Amino acid sequence: MDAAGLQRGRLTGLTLIGEDLIDAGQVAQQISLDTAREARLVAEAAVDRVRDMYGPDIIGPAAAFRDAL
């Protein structure tokens, strides 16, 4: 925008083009410093594995379960 000599230039649009994309399973894991987010992702993967093994209704809100005797 500086090269165009505009005094008050504005960005009015942004386009993203994905080329040569590969399957998500083939990429390296991105490093994150957000430990809370990483913990949620690990827990989500574990819940998905349990649901795959025992069915979609195996895990739910704790309030929905009856008291243990």
C-alpha atoms as a PDB file:
ATOM      1  CA  MET A   1       0.000   0.000   0.000  1.00  0.00           C
ATOM      2  CA  ASP A   2       2.939   2.285   0.651  1.00  0.00           C
ATOM      3  CA  ALA A   3       4.190   1.760  -2.891  1.00  0.00           C
ATOM      4  CA  ALA A   4       0.805   2.795  -4.289  1.00  0.00           C
ATOM      5  CA  GLY A   5       1.038   6.119  -2.455  1.00  0.00           C
ATOM      6  CA  LEU A   6      -2.254   5.718  -0.654  1.00  0.00           C
ATOM      7  CA  GLN A   7      -2.745   7.813   2.442  1.00  0.00           C
ATOM      8  CA  ARG A   8      -5.460   5.685   4.001  1.00  0.00           C
ATOM      9  CA  GLY A   9      -5.264   2.296   2.393  1.00  0.00           C
ATOM     10  CA  ARG A  10      -7.565  -0.464   3.585  1.00  0.00           C
ATOM     11  CA  LEU A  11      -7.415  -4.166   3.168  1.00  0.00           C
ATOM     12  CA  THR A  12     -10.858  -5.082   1.832  1.00  0.00           C
ATOM     13  CA  GLY A  13     -10.381  -8.748   1.046  1.00  0.00           C
ATOM     14  CA  LEU A  14      -8.169 -11.718   1.667  1.00  0.00           C
ATOM     15  CA  THR A  15      -8.029 -14.928  -0.350  1.00  0.00           C
ATOM     16  CA  LEU A  16      -6.499 -18.210   0.737  1.00  0.00           C
ATOM     17  CA  ILE A  17      -5.686 -20.859  -1.842  1.00  0.00           C
ATOM     18  CA  GLY A  18      -4.715 -24.373  -0.763  1.00  0.00           C
ATOM     19  CA  GLU A  19      -2.460 -26.185  -3.204  1.00  0.00           C
ATOM     20  CA  ASP A  20      -0.752 -29.565  -2.988  1.00  0.00           C
ATOM     21  CA  LEU A  21      -2.677 -30.504   0.147  1.00  0.00           C
ATOM     22  CA  ILE A  22      -2.044 -33.857   1.796  1.00  0.00           C
ATOM     23  CA  ASP A  23      -4.056 -35.998   4.183  1.00  0.00           C
ATOM     24  CA  ALA A  24      -4.027 -34.820   7.806  1.00  0.00           C
ATOM     25  CA  GLY A  25      -2.612 -38.164   8.931  1.00  0.00           C
ATOM     26  CA  GLN A  26       0.558 -37.562   6.914  1.00  0.00           C
ATOM     27  CA  VAL A  27       1.607 -34.270   8.490  1.00  0.00           C
ATOM     28  CA  ALA A  28       3.852 -33.712  11.492  1.00  0.00           C
ATOM     29  CA  GLN A  29       2.263 -32.662  14.760  1.00  0.00           C
ATOM     30  CA  GLN A  30       2.490 -28.951  15.398  1.00  0.00           C
ATOM     31  CA  ILE A  31       4.222 -27.940  18.623  1.00  0.00           C
ATOM     32  CA  SER A  32       2.046 -25.907  20.974  1.00  0.00           C
ATOM     33  CA  LEU A  33       2.868 -24.083  24.178  1.00  0.00           C
ATOM     34  CA  ASP A  34      -0.779 -24.095  25.280  1.00  0.00           C
ATOM     35  CA  THR A  35      -0.810 -27.001  27.750  1.00  0.00           C
ATOM     36  CA  ALA A  36      -4.525 -26.655  28.533  1.00  0.00           C
ATOM     37  CA  ARG A  37      -5.421 -26.973  24.848  1.00  0.00           C
ATOM     38  CA  GLU A  38      -3.094 -29.943  24.420  1.00  0.00           C
ATOM     39  CA  ALA A  39      -4.698 -31.672  27.418  1.00  0.00           C
ATOM     40  CA  ARG A  40      -8.168 -31.154  25.917  1.00  0.00           C
ATOM     41  CA  LEU A  41      -7.005 -32.619  22.598  1.00  0.00           C
ATOM     42  CA  VAL A  42      -5.565 -35.701  24.321  1.00  0.00           C
ATOM     43  CA  ALA A  43      -8.763 -36.170  26.337  1.00  0.00           C
ATOM     44  CA  GLU A  44     -10.889 -35.749  23.194  1.00  0.00           C
ATOM     45  CA  ALA A  45      -8.878 -38.431  21.378  1.00  0.00           C
ATOM     46  CA  ALA A  46      -9.275 -40.801  24.358  1.00  0.00           C
ATOM     47  CA  VAL A  47     -13.043 -40.227  24.472  1.00  0.00           C
ATOM     48  CA  ASP A  48     -13.256 -40.891  20.731  1.00  0.00           C
ATOM     49  CA  ARG A  49     -11.416 -44.211  21.155  1.00  0.00           C
ATOM     50  CA  VAL A  50     -13.738 -45.260  23.996  1.00  0.00           C
ATOM     51  CA  ARG A  51     -16.820 -44.359  21.927  1.00  0.00           C
ATOM     52  CA  ASP A  52     -15.438 -46.321  18.974  1.00  0.00           C
ATOM     53  CA  MET A  53     -15.012 -49.383  21.190  1.00  0.00           C
ATOM     54  CA  TYR A  54     -18.243 -49.258  23.225  1.00  0.00           C
ATOM     55  CA  GLY A  55     -20.681 -47.118  21.233  1.00  0.00           C
ATOM     56  CA  PRO A  56     -21.642 -43.458  21.128  1.00  0.00           C
ATOM     57  CA  ASP A  57     -23.789 -43.516  24.293  1.00  0.00           C
ATOM     58  CA  ILE A  58     -21.097 -44.888  26.630  1.00  0.00           C
ATOM     59  CA  ILE A  59     -19.860 -41.441  27.720  1.00  0.00           C
ATOM     60  CA  GLY A  60     -22.169 -38.616  28.737  1.00  0.00           C
ATOM     61  CA  PRO A  61     -22.802 -35.974  31.374  1.00  0.00           C
ATOM     62  CA  ALA A  62     -22.203 -37.138  34.949  1.00  0.00           C
ATOM     63  CA  ALA A  63     -25.603 -35.747  36.016  1.00  0.00           C
ATOM     64  CA  ALA A  64     -27.320 -38.248  33.712  1.00  0.00           C
ATOM     65  CA  PHE A  65     -26.006 -41.280  35.611  1.00  0.00           C
ATOM     66  CA  ARG A  66     -27.688 -42.734  38.672  1.00  0.00           C
ATOM     67  CA  ASP A  67     -25.892 -42.832  42.038  1.00  0.00           C
ATOM     68  CA  ALA A  68     -23.620 -45.784  42.670  1.00  0.00           C
ATOM     69  CA  LEU A  69     -24.783 -48.103  45.440  1.00  0.00           C
END
